[in-house]
Amino acid sequence: MYNAVHNLGYSQEGSPGRIFPVPYPETVPLYRAYSPGARDHFYTANQAEMNNAVGKLGYSAEGISGYIYPNQICGSIPLYRAYSGGATDHFYTTDFNEWQNAVNHLGYSAEGITGYILNN
């Protein structure tokens, strides 16, 4: 995050929520990959989607970031994902309105819900 804020022009907005650092009942891995050419991080709870990103889209697997719920339970909140092909950027948020704005006005394509995380 330091590099993104101090060298790449990003703003720190705080954490959208919490994930489990170790497996917890009913959770699944949240995989992380990085594309050095696009300078883009990619997160997914879908192993096949991760394999495709690494095998065909130029991403390098960076392991498991933590564990999330695949379905909404116990007050968990959705982690929305969108993608901009023009910017080669994945966008993640727990704010539905922010996600809709990115899709409707900023050139992102809706990619749905990555999984469910705990509210801060």
Protein backbone atom coordinates (compact mmCIF):
# COMPACT_ATOMS: atom_id res chain seq x y z
CA MET A 1 0.00 0.00 0.00
CA TYR A 2 2.90 2.37 0.73
CA ASN A 3 4.06 2.27 -2.89
CA ALA A 4 0.54 2.82 -4.25
CA VAL A 5 -0.06 5.87 -2.05
CA HIS A 6 3.39 7.46 -2.18
CA ASN A 7 4.55 6.59 -5.70
CA LEU A 8 1.51 5.80 -7.85
CA GLY A 9 -0.89 8.59 -6.90
CA TYR A 10 -3.46 6.51 -5.01
CA SER A 11 -5.29 7.76 -1.92
CA GLN A 12 -5.59 5.64 1.19
CA GLU A 13 -9.27 5.16 2.03
CA GLY A 14 -9.05 2.70 4.89
CA SER A 15 -10.12 -0.90 5.11
CA PRO A 16 -13.43 -1.94 3.53
CA GLY A 17 -13.78 -4.73 6.06
CA ARG A 18 -12.01 -7.70 7.60
CA ILE A 19 -11.08 -11.17 6.39
CA PHE A 20 -9.96 -14.18 8.39
CA PRO A 21 -6.17 -14.74 8.50
CA VAL A 22 -6.64 -18.52 8.82
CA PRO A 23 -9.38 -20.90 7.66
CA TYR A 24 -12.58 -20.58 9.67
CA PRO A 25 -15.70 -22.76 9.35
CA GLU A 26 -17.53 -22.11 6.07
CA THR A 27 -14.81 -19.82 4.65
CA VAL A 28 -12.85 -20.22 1.41
CA PRO A 29 -9.43 -18.90 0.36
CA LEU A 30 -9.19 -15.40 -1.11
CA TYR A 31 -6.46 -15.76 -3.73
CA ARG A 32 -4.26 -12.85 -4.76
CA ALA A 33 -2.37 -12.36 -8.01
CA TYR A 34 -0.43 -9.51 -9.55
CA SER A 35 0.19 -8.39 -13.13
CA PRO A 36 3.47 -6.44 -13.29
CA GLY A 37 2.70 -5.25 -16.83
CA ALA A 38 -0.64 -3.81 -15.78
CA ARG A 39 0.38 -3.00 -12.20
CA ASP A 40 -2.90 -4.61 -11.14
CA HIS A 41 -3.77 -6.84 -8.21
CA PHE A 42 -6.48 -9.42 -8.71
CA TYR A 43 -8.43 -11.10 -5.91
CA THR A 44 -10.79 -14.03 -6.28
CA ALA A 45 -12.26 -16.85 -4.21
CA ASN A 46 -12.54 -19.00 -7.33
CA GLN A 47 -9.59 -21.35 -7.91
CA ALA A 48 -10.39 -21.82 -11.62
CA GLU A 49 -10.55 -18.05 -12.11
CA MET A 50 -7.16 -17.70 -10.40
CA ASN A 51 -5.67 -20.45 -12.57
CA ASN A 52 -6.94 -18.65 -15.70
CA ALA A 53 -5.47 -15.30 -14.60
CA VAL A 54 -2.09 -16.92 -13.96
CA GLY A 55 -2.09 -19.27 -16.93
CA LYS A 56 -3.55 -17.02 -19.62
CA LEU A 57 -3.65 -13.37 -18.51
CA GLY A 58 -0.10 -12.68 -17.35
CA TYR A 59 -0.73 -12.60 -13.60
CA SER A 60 1.61 -14.15 -11.04
CA ALA A 61 0.06 -15.98 -8.11
CA GLU A 62 0.84 -14.34 -4.77
CA GLY A 63 -0.87 -16.91 -2.57
CA ILE A 64 -3.81 -16.64 -0.22
CA SER A 65 -4.56 -13.24 1.32
CA GLY A 66 -6.99 -14.67 3.84
CA TYR A 67 -10.34 -16.39 4.01
CA ILE A 68 -13.82 -15.10 3.23
CA TYR A 69 -17.35 -16.41 3.11
CA PRO A 70 -18.60 -17.58 -0.29
CA ASN A 71 -22.18 -16.77 0.78
CA GLN A 72 -23.63 -14.07 2.99
CA ILE A 73 -23.92 -15.19 6.61
CA CYS A 74 -23.75 -13.71 10.12
CA GLY A 75 -23.90 -10.05 9.11
CA SER A 76 -21.13 -10.35 6.52
CA ILE A 77 -21.07 -7.78 3.71
CA PRO A 78 -20.47 -8.23 -0.02
CA LEU A 79 -17.10 -7.42 -1.56
CA TYR A 80 -17.96 -6.14 -5.04
CA ARG A 81 -15.51 -6.37 -7.95
CA ALA A 82 -15.36 -4.38 -11.18
CA TYR A 83 -12.81 -4.20 -13.98
CA SER A 84 -11.66 -1.47 -16.35
CA GLY A 85 -10.05 -2.83 -19.50
CA GLY A 86 -8.95 0.67 -20.51
CA ALA A 87 -7.16 1.25 -17.22
CA THR A 88 -6.31 -2.45 -16.74
CA ASP A 89 -7.55 -2.14 -13.18
CA HIS A 90 -9.64 -4.24 -10.82
CA PHE A 91 -11.71 -2.25 -8.34
CA TYR A 92 -13.03 -3.64 -5.05
CA THR A 93 -15.47 -2.08 -2.62
CA THR A 94 -18.11 -2.98 -0.07
CA ASP A 95 -20.10 0.13 -0.99
CA PHE A 96 -22.80 -0.78 -3.52
CA ASN A 97 -23.28 2.84 -4.62
CA GLU A 98 -19.54 3.30 -5.18
CA TRP A 99 -19.46 0.10 -7.24
CA GLN A 100 -22.48 1.21 -9.29
CA ASN A 101 -20.85 4.60 -9.92
CA ALA A 102 -17.68 2.92 -11.21
CA VAL A 103 -19.77 0.74 -13.52
CA ASN A 104 -22.21 3.42 -14.69
CA HIS A 105 -19.88 6.41 -14.98
CA LEU A 106 -16.20 5.43 -14.84
CA GLY A 107 -15.89 2.77 -17.53
CA TYR A 108 -15.74 -0.30 -15.29
CA SER A 109 -17.53 -3.57 -16.01
CA ALA A 110 -19.39 -5.21 -13.15
CA GLU A 111 -17.80 -8.53 -12.18
CA GLY A 112 -20.16 -9.29 -9.32
CA ILE A 113 -19.44 -10.24 -5.75
CA THR A 114 -16.06 -11.78 -4.95
CA GLY A 115 -17.31 -13.04 -1.60
CA TYR A 116 -18.44 -11.76 1.78
CA ILE A 117 -16.27 -10.18 4.44
CA LEU A 118 -16.78 -8.94 7.99
CA ASN A 119 -17.81 -5.35 8.56
CA ASN A 120 -15.24 -3.20 10.36
